[in-house]
Amino acid sequence: MEKCLAYYRKKRRVYGVRNHVLILPTTFCVNNVAYQIWSHFAEERWGDYEENRVVLALHDAGCCHVGFDREIAFRTFLGVASNPNVYGVLL
């Protein structure tokens, strides 16, 4: 039995097996809005095997980031958004 792996080649020369659209609220204060947007697309799937979808990653910290906390939040958002399985991000 032959097995194959479907993948997506990204611009930065990495590969992912999914093409998710990520909704990533930057503060706790906009979680409700992010949830409302996500719920509109929650059942949407696309791809040959319907493996792609809209993903919501809720934020559990306060409504502002200052100093060191801001730097950590920025690096975290950048890392999550740079995942090869993420096609696009709504911040």
C-alpha atoms as a PDB file:
ATOM      1  CA  MET A   1       0.000   0.000   0.000  1.00  0.00           C
ATOM      2  CA  GLU A   2       1.425   3.326  -1.039  1.00  0.00           C
ATOM      3  CA  LYS A   3       1.059   6.301   1.273  1.00  0.00           C
ATOM      4  CA  CYS A   4       1.498   9.911   0.331  1.00  0.00           C
ATOM      5  CA  LEU A   5       1.520  13.152   2.264  1.00  0.00           C
ATOM      6  CA  ALA A   6      -0.165  16.223   0.847  1.00  0.00           C
ATOM      7  CA  TYR A   7       1.548  19.471   1.773  1.00  0.00           C
ATOM      8  CA  TYR A   8       1.547  23.167   1.033  1.00  0.00           C
ATOM      9  CA  ARG A   9       4.787  24.932   0.132  1.00  0.00           C
ATOM     10  CA  LYS A  10       4.977  28.357   1.727  1.00  0.00           C
ATOM     11  CA  LYS A  11       6.813  31.423   0.439  1.00  0.00           C
ATOM     12  CA  ARG A  12       9.499  31.194   3.105  1.00  0.00           C
ATOM     13  CA  ARG A  13      10.476  27.716   1.847  1.00  0.00           C
ATOM     14  CA  VAL A  14       8.840  25.732   4.591  1.00  0.00           C
ATOM     15  CA  TYR A  15       6.074  23.179   4.254  1.00  0.00           C
ATOM     16  CA  GLY A  16       2.802  22.724   6.079  1.00  0.00           C
ATOM     17  CA  VAL A  17       0.131  20.036   5.913  1.00  0.00           C
ATOM     18  CA  ARG A  18      -2.704  22.467   6.637  1.00  0.00           C
ATOM     19  CA  ASN A  19      -3.724  25.918   5.450  1.00  0.00           C
ATOM     20  CA  HIS A  20      -5.594  27.274   8.460  1.00  0.00           C
ATOM     21  CA  VAL A  21      -6.766  30.856   8.788  1.00  0.00           C
ATOM     22  CA  LEU A  22      -6.013  31.967  12.345  1.00  0.00           C
ATOM     23  CA  ILE A  23      -8.039  34.503  14.306  1.00  0.00           C
ATOM     24  CA  LEU A  24      -5.656  35.825  16.939  1.00  0.00           C
ATOM     25  CA  PRO A  25      -7.022  38.528  19.265  1.00  0.00           C
ATOM     26  CA  THR A  26      -4.241  40.708  20.634  1.00  0.00           C
ATOM     27  CA  THR A  27      -5.959  41.372  23.978  1.00  0.00           C
ATOM     28  CA  PHE A  28      -8.574  39.782  26.221  1.00  0.00           C
ATOM     29  CA  CYS A  29     -10.850  42.767  25.546  1.00  0.00           C
ATOM     30  CA  VAL A  30     -11.579  41.693  21.964  1.00  0.00           C
ATOM     31  CA  ASN A  31     -12.135  37.975  22.589  1.00  0.00           C
ATOM     32  CA  ASN A  32     -15.897  38.374  22.191  1.00  0.00           C
ATOM     33  CA  VAL A  33     -15.535  40.051  18.796  1.00  0.00           C
ATOM     34  CA  ALA A  34     -13.020  37.403  17.695  1.00  0.00           C
ATOM     35  CA  TYR A  35     -15.421  34.661  18.816  1.00  0.00           C
ATOM     36  CA  GLN A  36     -18.280  36.210  16.835  1.00  0.00           C
ATOM     37  CA  ILE A  37     -16.139  36.326  13.690  1.00  0.00           C
ATOM     38  CA  TRP A  38     -14.972  32.739  14.212  1.00  0.00           C
ATOM     39  CA  SER A  39     -18.497  31.428  14.849  1.00  0.00           C
ATOM     40  CA  HIS A  40     -19.527  32.737  11.432  1.00  0.00           C
ATOM     41  CA  PHE A  41     -16.867  30.517   9.785  1.00  0.00           C
ATOM     42  CA  ALA A  42     -16.679  27.664  12.320  1.00  0.00           C
ATOM     43  CA  GLU A  43     -18.178  25.058   9.983  1.00  0.00           C
ATOM     44  CA  GLU A  44     -16.213  26.120   6.888  1.00  0.00           C
ATOM     45  CA  ARG A  45     -13.709  23.579   5.531  1.00  0.00           C
ATOM     46  CA  TRP A  46     -11.672  23.553   2.319  1.00  0.00           C
ATOM     47  CA  GLY A  47      -8.937  21.569   0.645  1.00  0.00           C
ATOM     48  CA  ASP A  48      -8.944  18.173  -1.049  1.00  0.00           C
ATOM     49  CA  TYR A  49      -9.782  16.443   2.228  1.00  0.00           C
ATOM     50  CA  GLU A  50     -11.472  19.423   3.890  1.00  0.00           C
ATOM     51  CA  GLU A  51      -8.448  19.604   6.186  1.00  0.00           C
ATOM     52  CA  ASN A  52      -8.304  23.407   6.346  1.00  0.00           C
ATOM     53  CA  ARG A  53     -10.415  25.630   8.563  1.00  0.00           C
ATOM     54  CA  VAL A  54     -10.660  28.869  10.526  1.00  0.00           C
ATOM     55  CA  VAL A  55      -9.033  28.535  13.958  1.00  0.00           C
ATOM     56  CA  LEU A  56      -9.630  30.770  16.977  1.00  0.00           C
ATOM     57  CA  ALA A  57      -6.878  31.226  19.588  1.00  0.00           C
ATOM     58  CA  LEU A  58      -8.383  33.207  22.465  1.00  0.00           C
ATOM     59  CA  HIS A  59      -6.219  35.593  24.481  1.00  0.00           C
ATOM     60  CA  ASP A  60      -6.294  35.195  28.269  1.00  0.00           C
ATOM     61  CA  ALA A  61      -4.281  38.249  29.374  1.00  0.00           C
ATOM     62  CA  GLY A  62      -5.286  41.858  30.013  1.00  0.00           C
ATOM     63  CA  CYS A  63      -6.210  44.668  27.679  1.00  0.00           C
ATOM     64  CA  CYS A  64      -2.775  46.208  27.268  1.00  0.00           C
ATOM     65  CA  HIS A  65       0.828  45.087  27.005  1.00  0.00           C
ATOM     66  CA  VAL A  66       3.668  47.257  28.290  1.00  0.00           C
ATOM     67  CA  GLY A  67       7.394  46.773  28.679  1.00  0.00           C
ATOM     68  CA  PHE A  68       8.650  43.211  28.850  1.00  0.00           C
ATOM     69  CA  ASP A  69       5.110  41.820  28.636  1.00  0.00           C
ATOM     70  CA  ARG A  70       4.669  43.589  25.314  1.00  0.00           C
ATOM     71  CA  GLU A  71       7.826  41.998  23.911  1.00  0.00           C
ATOM     72  CA  ILE A  72       6.754  38.511  25.014  1.00  0.00           C
ATOM     73  CA  ALA A  73       3.272  38.999  23.538  1.00  0.00           C
ATOM     74  CA  PHE A  74       4.744  40.221  20.241  1.00  0.00           C
ATOM     75  CA  ARG A  75       7.138  37.254  19.984  1.00  0.00           C
ATOM     76  CA  THR A  76       4.322  34.844  20.831  1.00  0.00           C
ATOM     77  CA  PHE A  77       1.993  36.299  18.187  1.00  0.00           C
ATOM     78  CA  LEU A  78       4.795  36.243  15.625  1.00  0.00           C
ATOM     79  CA  GLY A  79       5.670  32.631  16.446  1.00  0.00           C
ATOM     80  CA  VAL A  80       2.088  31.410  16.212  1.00  0.00           C
ATOM     81  CA  ALA A  81       1.445  33.340  12.991  1.00  0.00           C
ATOM     82  CA  SER A  82       4.658  31.966  11.435  1.00  0.00           C
ATOM     83  CA  ASN A  83       3.584  28.342  11.856  1.00  0.00           C
ATOM     84  CA  PRO A  84       3.796  26.549   8.477  1.00  0.00           C
ATOM     85  CA  ASN A  85       0.216  25.308   8.910  1.00  0.00           C
ATOM     86  CA  VAL A  86      -1.141  28.865   9.078  1.00  0.00           C
ATOM     87  CA  TYR A  87      -2.158  30.420   5.757  1.00  0.00           C
ATOM     88  CA  GLY A  88      -3.337  33.767   7.071  1.00  0.00           C
ATOM     89  CA  VAL A  89      -3.919  35.636  10.325  1.00  0.00           C
ATOM     90  CA  LEU A  90      -6.584  38.074  11.453  1.00  0.00           C
ATOM     91  CA  LEU A  91      -5.281  40.140  14.392  1.00  0.00           C
END
